[in-house]
Amino acid sequence: MTKAAIRTGRPRGVWKRASGMAIHKPVKEDDTKLYAHRSRLLFSCIGKVVEEVVTELLSEEAERQRLLSDGQFGSRKERSAIDAEAIMFDRGYAAWTNGHITGVLLMDNTAAFPSVPKGRLGNIMKVWQMDGDLIRWMESIRSERAVDMTIEGIARKRHPVEAGVPQGTPVSLILCAIYTSGLIKWVEQYGFAAEGLSFVDDLGLVATANELNRVVTILGRCAVKSIEWARR
Protein backbone atom coordinates (compact mmCIF):
# COMPACT_ATOMS: atom_id res chain seq x y z
CA MET A 1 0.00 0.00 0.00
CA THR A 2 2.89 2.35 0.79
CA LYS A 3 4.53 1.71 -2.58
CA ALA A 4 1.21 2.17 -4.40
CA ALA A 5 0.49 5.45 -2.61
CA ILE A 6 3.87 6.85 -3.61
CA ARG A 7 4.02 5.49 -7.14
CA THR A 8 0.55 6.65 -8.07
CA GLY A 9 0.97 9.96 -6.28
CA ARG A 10 -2.53 9.57 -4.83
CA PRO A 11 -2.60 9.30 -1.02
CA ARG A 12 -5.98 8.29 0.39
CA GLY A 13 -8.36 11.09 1.23
CA VAL A 14 -8.64 10.04 4.88
CA TRP A 15 -4.91 10.68 5.28
CA LYS A 16 -5.51 14.33 4.43
CA ARG A 17 -8.22 14.82 7.05
CA ALA A 18 -7.30 15.89 10.55
CA SER A 19 -9.27 15.73 13.78
CA GLY A 20 -8.59 18.89 15.77
CA MET A 21 -9.40 20.03 19.27
CA ALA A 22 -8.74 23.07 21.41
CA ILE A 23 -6.94 22.32 24.70
CA HIS A 24 -6.81 24.77 27.59
CA LYS A 25 -3.29 25.76 28.67
CA PRO A 26 -2.79 24.91 32.37
CA VAL A 27 -0.78 28.10 32.96
CA LYS A 28 -3.68 30.26 31.77
CA GLU A 29 -6.15 30.68 34.63
CA ASP A 30 -8.76 32.55 32.59
CA ASP A 31 -9.74 30.42 29.59
CA THR A 32 -11.60 33.35 28.03
CA LYS A 33 -8.36 35.21 27.35
CA LEU A 34 -6.56 35.27 24.03
CA TYR A 35 -4.03 32.43 23.61
CA ALA A 36 -5.54 30.56 26.57
CA HIS A 37 -5.93 27.48 24.34
CA ARG A 38 -3.72 25.58 21.96
CA SER A 39 -4.93 23.49 19.06
CA ARG A 40 -3.92 19.90 18.46
CA LEU A 41 -4.43 17.93 15.25
CA LEU A 42 -4.61 14.15 14.96
CA PHE A 43 -3.95 12.39 11.67
CA SER A 44 -4.46 8.84 10.42
CA CYS A 45 -1.75 6.52 11.79
CA ILE A 46 -1.37 4.67 8.48
CA GLY A 47 -1.03 7.98 6.65
CA LYS A 48 1.78 9.07 8.98
CA VAL A 49 3.60 5.77 8.40
CA VAL A 50 3.53 6.43 4.65
CA GLU A 51 4.72 10.01 5.25
CA GLU A 52 7.69 8.70 7.23
CA VAL A 53 8.72 6.65 4.19
CA VAL A 54 8.23 9.63 1.87
CA THR A 55 10.27 11.82 4.24
CA GLU A 56 13.16 9.37 4.06
CA LEU A 57 12.97 9.24 0.25
CA LEU A 58 12.81 13.04 -0.05
CA SER A 59 15.81 13.43 2.26
CA GLU A 60 17.82 10.95 0.21
CA GLU A 61 16.85 12.75 -3.02
CA ALA A 62 17.80 16.14 -1.60
CA GLU A 63 21.18 14.82 -0.42
CA ARG A 64 21.85 13.08 -3.73
CA GLN A 65 21.10 16.26 -5.69
CA ARG A 66 23.05 18.40 -3.18
CA LEU A 67 19.98 20.59 -3.02
CA LEU A 68 20.34 21.52 0.65
CA SER A 69 22.95 23.91 1.99
CA ASP A 70 25.69 22.62 4.30
CA GLY A 71 24.31 24.99 6.91
CA GLN A 72 20.83 23.45 6.93
CA PHE A 73 19.87 21.18 9.81
CA GLY A 74 16.68 19.32 10.64
CA SER A 75 15.11 16.31 8.88
CA ARG A 76 18.60 15.19 7.84
CA LYS A 77 20.71 12.34 9.15
CA GLU A 78 23.39 13.40 11.64
CA ARG A 79 22.24 17.03 11.36
CA SER A 80 20.20 17.73 14.46
CA ALA A 81 19.61 20.95 16.41
CA ILE A 82 22.39 19.88 18.80
CA ASP A 83 24.84 19.64 15.89
CA ALA A 84 23.95 23.16 14.75
CA GLU A 85 24.41 24.45 18.30
CA ALA A 86 27.82 22.79 18.59
CA ILE A 87 28.98 24.36 15.33
CA MET A 88 27.83 27.79 16.51
CA PHE A 89 29.74 27.49 19.78
CA ASP A 90 32.83 26.23 17.95
CA ARG A 91 32.80 29.22 15.57
CA GLY A 92 32.36 31.66 18.44
CA TYR A 93 35.11 30.09 20.52
CA ALA A 94 37.55 30.02 17.59
CA ALA A 95 36.93 33.73 16.95
CA TRP A 96 37.34 34.59 20.64
CA THR A 97 40.67 32.76 20.94
CA ASN A 98 41.94 34.79 17.97
CA GLY A 99 40.83 38.09 19.49
CA HIS A 100 37.88 38.54 17.12
CA ILE A 101 34.19 39.23 17.66
CA THR A 102 31.37 36.98 16.48
CA GLY A 103 27.83 38.22 15.91
CA VAL A 104 24.72 36.33 14.92
CA LEU A 105 21.68 37.61 13.07
CA LEU A 106 18.73 35.45 14.16
CA MET A 107 15.64 35.31 11.97
CA ASP A 108 12.44 33.33 12.46
CA ASN A 109 10.54 32.92 9.21
CA THR A 110 7.02 33.93 10.22
CA ALA A 111 4.39 31.34 9.26
CA ALA A 112 7.03 29.51 7.24
CA PHE A 113 5.06 26.29 6.83
CA PRO A 114 1.64 27.63 5.75
CA SER A 115 3.26 30.27 3.53
CA VAL A 116 4.96 27.80 1.16
CA PRO A 117 3.35 28.23 -2.31
CA LYS A 118 2.40 24.88 -3.81
CA GLY A 119 3.48 25.73 -7.35
CA ARG A 120 6.84 27.20 -6.34
CA LEU A 121 7.81 24.23 -4.16
CA GLY A 122 6.90 21.87 -6.98
CA ASN A 123 8.92 23.94 -9.44
CA ILE A 124 12.01 23.78 -7.21
CA MET A 125 11.72 19.99 -7.04
CA LYS A 126 11.28 19.75 -10.82
CA VAL A 127 14.24 22.03 -11.55
CA TRP A 128 16.42 19.76 -9.41
CA GLN A 129 14.97 16.74 -11.23
CA MET A 130 13.71 15.03 -8.12
CA ASP A 131 11.70 11.83 -8.47
CA GLY A 132 8.46 12.51 -10.35
CA ASP A 133 6.43 10.16 -8.14
CA LEU A 134 7.50 12.05 -5.03
CA ILE A 135 6.57 15.37 -6.66
CA ARG A 136 3.10 14.08 -7.56
CA TRP A 137 2.64 12.72 -4.05
CA MET A 138 3.69 16.06 -2.55
CA GLU A 139 1.25 17.97 -4.74
CA SER A 140 -1.59 15.60 -3.86
CA ILE A 141 -1.02 15.53 -0.09
CA ARG A 142 -1.19 19.33 0.00
CA SER A 143 -4.51 19.54 -1.82
CA GLU A 144 -8.08 18.86 -0.67
CA ARG A 145 -7.14 18.86 3.01
CA ALA A 146 -9.86 19.15 5.66
CA VAL A 147 -10.23 19.32 9.44
CA ASP A 148 -12.91 18.24 11.92
CA MET A 149 -12.66 20.59 14.91
CA THR A 150 -14.01 19.89 18.41
CA ILE A 151 -14.29 22.91 20.70
CA GLU A 152 -15.52 22.60 24.31
CA GLY A 153 -16.74 19.11 23.50
CA ILE A 154 -18.85 20.28 20.57
CA ALA A 155 -18.01 18.86 17.14
CA ARG A 156 -17.96 21.49 14.42
CA LYS A 157 -18.72 21.08 10.75
CA ARG A 158 -15.85 19.77 8.66
CA HIS A 159 -14.22 22.51 6.64
CA PRO A 160 -11.46 22.62 4.01
CA VAL A 161 -7.97 23.82 4.89
CA GLU A 162 -5.70 25.72 2.55
CA ALA A 163 -2.09 25.66 3.80
CA GLY A 164 1.31 25.58 2.19
CA VAL A 165 2.92 22.71 4.09
CA PRO A 166 0.86 20.89 6.74
CA GLN A 167 2.79 21.66 9.94
CA GLY A 168 3.23 18.85 12.44
CA THR A 169 3.29 16.03 9.90
CA PRO A 170 6.43 13.90 9.34
CA VAL A 171 7.06 15.29 5.85
CA SER A 172 6.66 18.98 6.75
CA LEU A 173 10.27 19.54 7.91
CA ILE A 174 11.99 18.25 4.77
CA LEU A 175 9.53 20.05 2.46
CA CYS A 176 10.15 23.35 4.24
CA ALA A 177 13.91 22.73 4.12
CA ILE A 178 13.76 22.09 0.36
CA TYR A 179 11.74 25.28 -0.17
CA THR A 180 14.25 27.47 1.75
CA SER A 181 17.33 25.63 0.48
CA GLY A 182 18.55 28.56 -1.59
CA LEU A 183 18.47 31.18 1.17
CA ILE A 184 21.82 30.45 2.84
CA LYS A 185 23.56 29.96 -0.51
CA TRP A 186 22.10 33.25 -1.76
CA VAL A 187 23.54 35.16 1.20
CA GLU A 188 26.91 33.41 1.27
CA GLN A 189 27.64 33.82 -2.43
CA TYR A 190 28.03 37.59 -2.02
CA GLY A 191 31.20 37.14 0.02
CA PHE A 192 30.08 39.01 3.12
CA ALA A 193 32.26 36.74 5.28
CA ALA A 194 29.10 35.33 6.84
CA GLU A 195 28.03 31.72 7.24
CA GLY A 196 24.52 30.39 7.64
CA LEU A 197 23.06 27.96 10.14
CA SER A 198 19.41 27.01 10.05
CA PHE A 199 17.13 24.51 11.71
CA VAL A 200 14.12 24.26 9.41
CA ASP A 201 12.51 27.74 9.67
CA ASP A 202 14.91 29.26 12.23
CA LEU A 203 17.91 30.91 10.58
CA GLY A 204 21.13 32.25 12.00
CA LEU A 205 23.73 34.17 9.96
CA VAL A 206 27.13 34.24 11.65
CA ALA A 207 29.76 36.91 11.02
CA THR A 208 33.24 37.30 12.52
CA ALA A 209 35.49 40.37 12.39
CA ASN A 210 38.11 42.20 14.45
CA GLU A 211 35.72 44.99 15.49
CA LEU A 212 32.06 45.30 16.38
CA ASN A 213 31.11 47.86 13.71
CA ARG A 214 32.40 45.55 11.00
CA VAL A 215 30.29 42.66 12.35
CA VAL A 216 27.18 44.86 12.43
CA THR A 217 27.81 46.04 8.85
CA ILE A 218 28.17 42.47 7.57
CA LEU A 219 25.01 41.27 9.29
CA GLY A 220 23.08 44.30 8.07
CA ARG A 221 23.97 43.46 4.48
CA CYS A 222 23.00 39.83 5.09
CA ALA A 223 19.58 40.96 6.31
CA VAL A 224 19.05 42.99 3.15
CA LYS A 225 20.04 40.05 0.94
CA SER A 226 17.74 37.70 2.88
CA ILE A 227 14.76 39.98 2.29
CA GLU A 228 15.76 40.27 -1.37
CA TRP A 229 15.79 36.47 -1.68
CA ALA A 230 12.33 36.25 -0.11
CA ARG A 231 10.93 38.78 -2.57
CA ARG A 232 12.47 36.98 -5.54
C-alpha atoms as a PDB file:
ATOM      1  CA  MET A   1       0.000   0.000   0.000  1.00  0.00           C
ATOM      2  CA  THR A   2       2.892   2.354   0.788  1.00  0.00           C
ATOM      3  CA  LYS A   3       4.530   1.711  -2.583  1.00  0.00           C
ATOM      4  CA  ALA A   4       1.214   2.173  -4.404  1.00  0.00           C
ATOM      5  CA  ALA A   5       0.491   5.454  -2.608  1.00  0.00           C
ATOM      6  CA  ILE A   6       3.866   6.854  -3.608  1.00  0.00           C
ATOM      7  CA  ARG A   7       4.019   5.488  -7.136  1.00  0.00           C
ATOM      8  CA  THR A   8       0.546   6.647  -8.074  1.00  0.00           C
ATOM      9  CA  GLY A   9       0.971   9.963  -6.282  1.00  0.00           C
ATOM     10  CA  ARG A  10      -2.529   9.574  -4.831  1.00  0.00           C
ATOM     11  CA  PRO A  11      -2.599   9.302  -1.025  1.00  0.00           C
ATOM     12  CA  ARG A  12      -5.983   8.290   0.390  1.00  0.00           C
ATOM     13  CA  GLY A  13      -8.364  11.086   1.231  1.00  0.00           C
ATOM     14  CA  VAL A  14      -8.642  10.041   4.875  1.00  0.00           C
ATOM     15  CA  TRP A  15      -4.911  10.678   5.283  1.00  0.00           C
ATOM     16  CA  LYS A  16      -5.509  14.335   4.426  1.00  0.00           C
ATOM     17  CA  ARG A  17      -8.225  14.821   7.045  1.00  0.00           C
ATOM     18  CA  ALA A  18      -7.297  15.888  10.546  1.00  0.00           C
ATOM     19  CA  SER A  19      -9.268  15.727  13.783  1.00  0.00           C
ATOM     20  CA  GLY A  20      -8.593  18.890  15.775  1.00  0.00           C
ATOM     21  CA  MET A  21      -9.396  20.027  19.272  1.00  0.00           C
ATOM     22  CA  ALA A  22      -8.738  23.074  21.414  1.00  0.00           C
ATOM     23  CA  ILE A  23      -6.939  22.319  24.699  1.00  0.00           C
ATOM     24  CA  HIS A  24      -6.813  24.770  27.590  1.00  0.00           C
ATOM     25  CA  LYS A  25      -3.288  25.762  28.671  1.00  0.00           C
ATOM     26  CA  PRO A  26      -2.793  24.905  32.375  1.00  0.00           C
ATOM     27  CA  VAL A  27      -0.780  28.099  32.959  1.00  0.00           C
ATOM     28  CA  LYS A  28      -3.684  30.262  31.769  1.00  0.00           C
ATOM     29  CA  GLU A  29      -6.151  30.675  34.634  1.00  0.00           C
ATOM     30  CA  ASP A  30      -8.763  32.546  32.592  1.00  0.00           C
ATOM     31  CA  ASP A  31      -9.738  30.425  29.589  1.00  0.00           C
ATOM     32  CA  THR A  32     -11.605  33.352  28.026  1.00  0.00           C
ATOM     33  CA  LYS A  33      -8.362  35.215  27.352  1.00  0.00           C
ATOM     34  CA  LEU A  34      -6.558  35.270  24.032  1.00  0.00           C
ATOM     35  CA  TYR A  35      -4.028  32.425  23.612  1.00  0.00           C
ATOM     36  CA  ALA A  36      -5.544  30.555  26.574  1.00  0.00           C
ATOM     37  CA  HIS A  37      -5.931  27.482  24.344  1.00  0.00           C
ATOM     38  CA  ARG A  38      -3.720  25.580  21.960  1.00  0.00           C
ATOM     39  CA  SER A  39      -4.930  23.492  19.061  1.00  0.00           C
ATOM     40  CA  ARG A  40      -3.920  19.900  18.455  1.00  0.00           C
ATOM     41  CA  LEU A  41      -4.428  17.931  15.247  1.00  0.00           C
ATOM     42  CA  LEU A  42      -4.607  14.150  14.956  1.00  0.00           C
ATOM     43  CA  PHE A  43      -3.945  12.388  11.667  1.00  0.00           C
ATOM     44  CA  SER A  44      -4.456   8.836  10.423  1.00  0.00           C
ATOM     45  CA  CYS A  45      -1.748   6.517  11.791  1.00  0.00           C
ATOM     46  CA  ILE A  46      -1.366   4.670   8.476  1.00  0.00           C
ATOM     47  CA  GLY A  47      -1.031   7.982   6.645  1.00  0.00           C
ATOM     48  CA  LYS A  48       1.782   9.067   8.976  1.00  0.00           C
ATOM     49  CA  VAL A  49       3.598   5.775   8.398  1.00  0.00           C
ATOM     50  CA  VAL A  50       3.534   6.432   4.653  1.00  0.00           C
ATOM     51  CA  GLU A  51       4.718  10.011   5.250  1.00  0.00           C
ATOM     52  CA  GLU A  52       7.688   8.704   7.234  1.00  0.00           C
ATOM     53  CA  VAL A  53       8.715   6.649   4.194  1.00  0.00           C
ATOM     54  CA  VAL A  54       8.229   9.628   1.872  1.00  0.00           C
ATOM     55  CA  THR A  55      10.269  11.820   4.238  1.00  0.00           C
ATOM     56  CA  GLU A  56      13.160   9.370   4.056  1.00  0.00           C
ATOM     57  CA  LEU A  57      12.968   9.237   0.251  1.00  0.00           C
ATOM     58  CA  LEU A  58      12.811  13.037  -0.054  1.00  0.00           C
ATOM     59  CA  SER A  59      15.806  13.432   2.255  1.00  0.00           C
ATOM     60  CA  GLU A  60      17.817  10.950   0.205  1.00  0.00           C
ATOM     61  CA  GLU A  61      16.854  12.746  -3.023  1.00  0.00           C
ATOM     62  CA  ALA A  62      17.805  16.137  -1.596  1.00  0.00           C
ATOM     63  CA  GLU A  63      21.179  14.825  -0.423  1.00  0.00           C
ATOM     64  CA  ARG A  64      21.853  13.081  -3.733  1.00  0.00           C
ATOM     65  CA  GLN A  65      21.101  16.256  -5.689  1.00  0.00           C
ATOM     66  CA  ARG A  66      23.047  18.396  -3.179  1.00  0.00           C
ATOM     67  CA  LEU A  67      19.985  20.589  -3.017  1.00  0.00           C
ATOM     68  CA  LEU A  68      20.337  21.522   0.651  1.00  0.00           C
ATOM     69  CA  SER A  69      22.950  23.905   1.993  1.00  0.00           C
ATOM     70  CA  ASP A  70      25.695  22.619   4.301  1.00  0.00           C
ATOM     71  CA  GLY A  71      24.308  24.988   6.913  1.00  0.00           C
ATOM     72  CA  GLN A  72      20.829  23.449   6.927  1.00  0.00           C
ATOM     73  CA  PHE A  73      19.868  21.181   9.806  1.00  0.00           C
ATOM     74  CA  GLY A  74      16.681  19.322  10.636  1.00  0.00           C
ATOM     75  CA  SER A  75      15.109  16.315   8.885  1.00  0.00           C
ATOM     76  CA  ARG A  76      18.604  15.191   7.843  1.00  0.00           C
ATOM     77  CA  LYS A  77      20.714  12.345   9.146  1.00  0.00           C
ATOM     78  CA  GLU A  78      23.389  13.399  11.642  1.00  0.00           C
ATOM     79  CA  ARG A  79      22.239  17.032  11.358  1.00  0.00           C
ATOM     80  CA  SER A  80      20.200  17.727  14.464  1.00  0.00           C
ATOM     81  CA  ALA A  81      19.612  20.947  16.406  1.00  0.00           C
ATOM     82  CA  ILE A  82      22.386  19.880  18.800  1.00  0.00           C
ATOM     83  CA  ASP A  83      24.837  19.635  15.893  1.00  0.00           C
ATOM     84  CA  ALA A  84      23.947  23.158  14.748  1.00  0.00           C
ATOM     85  CA  GLU A  85      24.409  24.455  18.296  1.00  0.00           C
ATOM     86  CA  ALA A  86      27.819  22.791  18.589  1.00  0.00           C
ATOM     87  CA  ILE A  87      28.977  24.363  15.327  1.00  0.00           C
ATOM     88  CA  MET A  88      27.825  27.788  16.509  1.00  0.00           C
ATOM     89  CA  PHE A  89      29.742  27.489  19.778  1.00  0.00           C
ATOM     90  CA  ASP A  90      32.827  26.234  17.946  1.00  0.00           C
ATOM     91  CA  ARG A  91      32.797  29.220  15.573  1.00  0.00           C
ATOM     92  CA  GLY A  92      32.362  31.659  18.436  1.00  0.00           C
ATOM     93  CA  TYR A  93      35.113  30.086  20.521  1.00  0.00           C
ATOM     94  CA  ALA A  94      37.548  30.015  17.589  1.00  0.00           C
ATOM     95  CA  ALA A  95      36.933  33.728  16.946  1.00  0.00           C
ATOM     96  CA  TRP A  96      37.337  34.588  20.638  1.00  0.00           C
ATOM     97  CA  THR A  97      40.672  32.759  20.935  1.00  0.00           C
ATOM     98  CA  ASN A  98      41.942  34.788  17.968  1.00  0.00           C
ATOM     99  CA  GLY A  99      40.830  38.087  19.486  1.00  0.00           C
ATOM    100  CA  HIS A 100      37.883  38.535  17.117  1.00  0.00           C
ATOM    101  CA  ILE A 101      34.189  39.233  17.664  1.00  0.00           C
ATOM    102  CA  THR A 102      31.367  36.982  16.480  1.00  0.00           C
ATOM    103  CA  GLY A 103      27.834  38.222  15.909  1.00  0.00           C
ATOM    104  CA  VAL A 104      24.717  36.326  14.922  1.00  0.00           C
ATOM    105  CA  LEU A 105      21.682  37.614  13.069  1.00  0.00           C
ATOM    106  CA  LEU A 106      18.731  35.454  14.160  1.00  0.00           C
ATOM    107  CA  MET A 107      15.638  35.307  11.969  1.00  0.00           C
ATOM    108  CA  ASP A 108      12.444  33.334  12.462  1.00  0.00           C
ATOM    109  CA  ASN A 109      10.543  32.920   9.208  1.00  0.00           C
ATOM    110  CA  THR A 110       7.022  33.928  10.219  1.00  0.00           C
ATOM    111  CA  ALA A 111       4.387  31.340   9.258  1.00  0.00           C
ATOM    112  CA  ALA A 112       7.031  29.515   7.236  1.00  0.00           C
ATOM    113  CA  PHE A 113       5.064  26.285   6.829  1.00  0.00           C
ATOM    114  CA  PRO A 114       1.639  27.631   5.745  1.00  0.00           C
ATOM    115  CA  SER A 115       3.263  30.268   3.533  1.00  0.00           C
ATOM    116  CA  VAL A 116       4.964  27.802   1.156  1.00  0.00           C
ATOM    117  CA  PRO A 117       3.348  28.225  -2.307  1.00  0.00           C
ATOM    118  CA  LYS A 118       2.396  24.883  -3.814  1.00  0.00           C
ATOM    119  CA  GLY A 119       3.483  25.734  -7.348  1.00  0.00           C
ATOM    120  CA  ARG A 120       6.839  27.197  -6.339  1.00  0.00           C
ATOM    121  CA  LEU A 121       7.806  24.230  -4.163  1.00  0.00           C
ATOM    122  CA  GLY A 122       6.896  21.867  -6.977  1.00  0.00           C
ATOM    123  CA  ASN A 123       8.918  23.938  -9.439  1.00  0.00           C
ATOM    124  CA  ILE A 124      12.007  23.780  -7.206  1.00  0.00           C
ATOM    125  CA  MET A 125      11.720  19.987  -7.044  1.00  0.00           C
ATOM    126  CA  LYS A 126      11.276  19.749 -10.825  1.00  0.00           C
ATOM    127  CA  VAL A 127      14.244  22.031 -11.552  1.00  0.00           C
ATOM    128  CA  TRP A 128      16.421  19.763  -9.406  1.00  0.00           C
ATOM    129  CA  GLN A 129      14.974  16.744 -11.231  1.00  0.00           C
ATOM    130  CA  MET A 130      13.706  15.030  -8.121  1.00  0.00           C
ATOM    131  CA  ASP A 131      11.702  11.830  -8.467  1.00  0.00           C
ATOM    132  CA  GLY A 132       8.457  12.506 -10.347  1.00  0.00           C
ATOM    133  CA  ASP A 133       6.426  10.157  -8.135  1.00  0.00           C
ATOM    134  CA  LEU A 134       7.505  12.050  -5.031  1.00  0.00           C
ATOM    135  CA  ILE A 135       6.572  15.375  -6.660  1.00  0.00           C
ATOM    136  CA  ARG A 136       3.103  14.080  -7.558  1.00  0.00           C
ATOM    137  CA  TRP A 137       2.640  12.720  -4.046  1.00  0.00           C
ATOM    138  CA  MET A 138       3.690  16.062  -2.546  1.00  0.00           C
ATOM    139  CA  GLU A 139       1.253  17.968  -4.738  1.00  0.00           C
ATOM    140  CA  SER A 140      -1.588  15.603  -3.865  1.00  0.00           C
ATOM    141  CA  ILE A 141      -1.025  15.528  -0.087  1.00  0.00           C
ATOM    142  CA  ARG A 142      -1.186  19.330  -0.004  1.00  0.00           C
ATOM    143  CA  SER A 143      -4.509  19.542  -1.823  1.00  0.00           C
ATOM    144  CA  GLU A 144      -8.078  18.863  -0.673  1.00  0.00           C
ATOM    145  CA  ARG A 145      -7.142  18.862   3.009  1.00  0.00           C
ATOM    146  CA  ALA A 146      -9.863  19.151   5.663  1.00  0.00           C
ATOM    147  CA  VAL A 147     -10.227  19.323   9.443  1.00  0.00           C
ATOM    148  CA  ASP A 148     -12.915  18.239  11.919  1.00  0.00           C
ATOM    149  CA  MET A 149     -12.661  20.585  14.905  1.00  0.00           C
ATOM    150  CA  THR A 150     -14.014  19.887  18.410  1.00  0.00           C
ATOM    151  CA  ILE A 151     -14.286  22.909  20.697  1.00  0.00           C
ATOM    152  CA  GLU A 152     -15.518  22.596  24.307  1.00  0.00           C
ATOM    153  CA  GLY A 153     -16.738  19.107  23.495  1.00  0.00           C
ATOM    154  CA  ILE A 154     -18.847  20.275  20.572  1.00  0.00           C
ATOM    155  CA  ALA A 155     -18.010  18.858  17.141  1.00  0.00           C
ATOM    156  CA  ARG A 156     -17.959  21.493  14.421  1.00  0.00           C
ATOM    157  CA  LYS A 157     -18.721  21.083  10.752  1.00  0.00           C
ATOM    158  CA  ARG A 158     -15.848  19.766   8.660  1.00  0.00           C
ATOM    159  CA  HIS A 159     -14.218  22.510   6.636  1.00  0.00           C
ATOM    160  CA  PRO A 160     -11.465  22.624   4.006  1.00  0.00           C
ATOM    161  CA  VAL A 161      -7.969  23.824   4.888  1.00  0.00           C
ATOM    162  CA  GLU A 162      -5.702  25.722   2.550  1.00  0.00           C
ATOM    163  CA  ALA A 163      -2.094  25.663   3.798  1.00  0.00           C
ATOM    164  CA  GLY A 164       1.312  25.578   2.191  1.00  0.00           C
ATOM    165  CA  VAL A 165       2.923  22.711   4.093  1.00  0.00           C
ATOM    166  CA  PRO A 166       0.860  20.888   6.745  1.00  0.00           C
ATOM    167  CA  GLN A 167       2.790  21.659   9.937  1.00  0.00           C
ATOM    168  CA  GLY A 168       3.230  18.853  12.438  1.00  0.00           C
ATOM    169  CA  THR A 169       3.294  16.030   9.897  1.00  0.00           C
ATOM    170  CA  PRO A 170       6.432  13.903   9.341  1.00  0.00           C
ATOM    171  CA  VAL A 171       7.055  15.292   5.853  1.00  0.00           C
ATOM    172  CA  SER A 172       6.664  18.977   6.753  1.00  0.00           C
ATOM    173  CA  LEU A 173      10.269  19.535   7.912  1.00  0.00           C
ATOM    174  CA  ILE A 174      11.989  18.252   4.770  1.00  0.00           C
ATOM    175  CA  LEU A 175       9.532  20.051   2.457  1.00  0.00           C
ATOM    176  CA  CYS A 176      10.148  23.352   4.238  1.00  0.00           C
ATOM    177  CA  ALA A 177      13.909  22.728   4.116  1.00  0.00           C
ATOM    178  CA  ILE A 178      13.762  22.086   0.363  1.00  0.00           C
ATOM    179  CA  TYR A 179      11.745  25.276  -0.174  1.00  0.00           C
ATOM    180  CA  THR A 180      14.246  27.465   1.746  1.00  0.00           C
ATOM    181  CA  SER A 181      17.329  25.627   0.484  1.00  0.00           C
ATOM    182  CA  GLY A 182      18.550  28.562  -1.592  1.00  0.00           C
ATOM    183  CA  LEU A 183      18.468  31.178   1.169  1.00  0.00           C
ATOM    184  CA  ILE A 184      21.818  30.451   2.836  1.00  0.00           C
ATOM    185  CA  LYS A 185      23.560  29.956  -0.511  1.00  0.00           C
ATOM    186  CA  TRP A 186      22.100  33.249  -1.758  1.00  0.00           C
ATOM    187  CA  VAL A 187      23.540  35.163   1.201  1.00  0.00           C
ATOM    188  CA  GLU A 188      26.915  33.409   1.269  1.00  0.00           C
ATOM    189  CA  GLN A 189      27.643  33.816  -2.428  1.00  0.00           C
ATOM    190  CA  TYR A 190      28.027  37.589  -2.015  1.00  0.00           C
ATOM    191  CA  GLY A 191      31.202  37.142   0.016  1.00  0.00           C
ATOM    192  CA  PHE A 192      30.084  39.009   3.117  1.00  0.00           C
ATOM    193  CA  ALA A 193      32.257  36.741   5.283  1.00  0.00           C
ATOM    194  CA  ALA A 194      29.096  35.325   6.844  1.00  0.00           C
ATOM    195  CA  GLU A 195      28.035  31.718   7.237  1.00  0.00           C
ATOM    196  CA  GLY A 196      24.523  30.395   7.640  1.00  0.00           C
ATOM    197  CA  LEU A 197      23.060  27.959  10.136  1.00  0.00           C
ATOM    198  CA  SER A 198      19.410  27.013  10.054  1.00  0.00           C
ATOM    199  CA  PHE A 199      17.128  24.512  11.711  1.00  0.00           C
ATOM    200  CA  VAL A 200      14.121  24.256   9.408  1.00  0.00           C
ATOM    201  CA  ASP A 201      12.511  27.740   9.672  1.00  0.00           C
ATOM    202  CA  ASP A 202      14.912  29.257  12.230  1.00  0.00           C
ATOM    203  CA  LEU A 203      17.906  30.914  10.581  1.00  0.00           C
ATOM    204  CA  GLY A 204      21.135  32.254  12.004  1.00  0.00           C
ATOM    205  CA  LEU A 205      23.726  34.169   9.957  1.00  0.00           C
ATOM    206  CA  VAL A 206      27.134  34.235  11.652  1.00  0.00           C
ATOM    207  CA  ALA A 207      29.765  36.908  11.019  1.00  0.00           C
ATOM    208  CA  THR A 208      33.242  37.305  12.520  1.00  0.00           C
ATOM    209  CA  ALA A 209      35.490  40.374  12.389  1.00  0.00           C
ATOM    210  CA  ASN A 210      38.108  42.205  14.449  1.00  0.00           C
ATOM    211  CA  GLU A 211      35.724  44.992  15.487  1.00  0.00           C
ATOM    212  CA  LEU A 212      32.061  45.301  16.380  1.00  0.00           C
ATOM    213  CA  ASN A 213      31.107  47.857  13.707  1.00  0.00           C
ATOM    214  CA  ARG A 214      32.400  45.545  11.000  1.00  0.00           C
ATOM    215  CA  VAL A 215      30.292  42.661  12.347  1.00  0.00           C
ATOM    216  CA  VAL A 216      27.184  44.859  12.432  1.00  0.00           C
ATOM    217  CA  THR A 217      27.808  46.039   8.853  1.00  0.00           C
ATOM    218  CA  ILE A 218      28.166  42.466   7.573  1.00  0.00           C
ATOM    219  CA  LEU A 219      25.009  41.272   9.285  1.00  0.00           C
ATOM    220  CA  GLY A 220      23.079  44.302   8.066  1.00  0.00           C
ATOM    221  CA  ARG A 221      23.968  43.456   4.476  1.00  0.00           C
ATOM    222  CA  CYS A 222      23.004  39.833   5.094  1.00  0.00           C
ATOM    223  CA  ALA A 223      19.585  40.959   6.315  1.00  0.00           C
ATOM    224  CA  VAL A 224      19.050  42.991   3.148  1.00  0.00           C
ATOM    225  CA  LYS A 225      20.044  40.046   0.941  1.00  0.00           C
ATOM    226  CA  SER A 226      17.741  37.696   2.882  1.00  0.00           C
ATOM    227  CA  ILE A 227      14.763  39.978   2.286  1.00  0.00           C
ATOM    228  CA  GLU A 228      15.759  40.271  -1.372  1.00  0.00           C
ATOM    229  CA  TRP A 229      15.793  36.468  -1.682  1.00  0.00           C
ATOM    230  CA  ALA A 230      12.335  36.245  -0.107  1.00  0.00           C
ATOM    231  CA  ARG A 231      10.927  38.782  -2.571  1.00  0.00           C
ATOM    232  CA  ARG A 232      12.472  36.983  -5.539  1.00  0.00           C
END
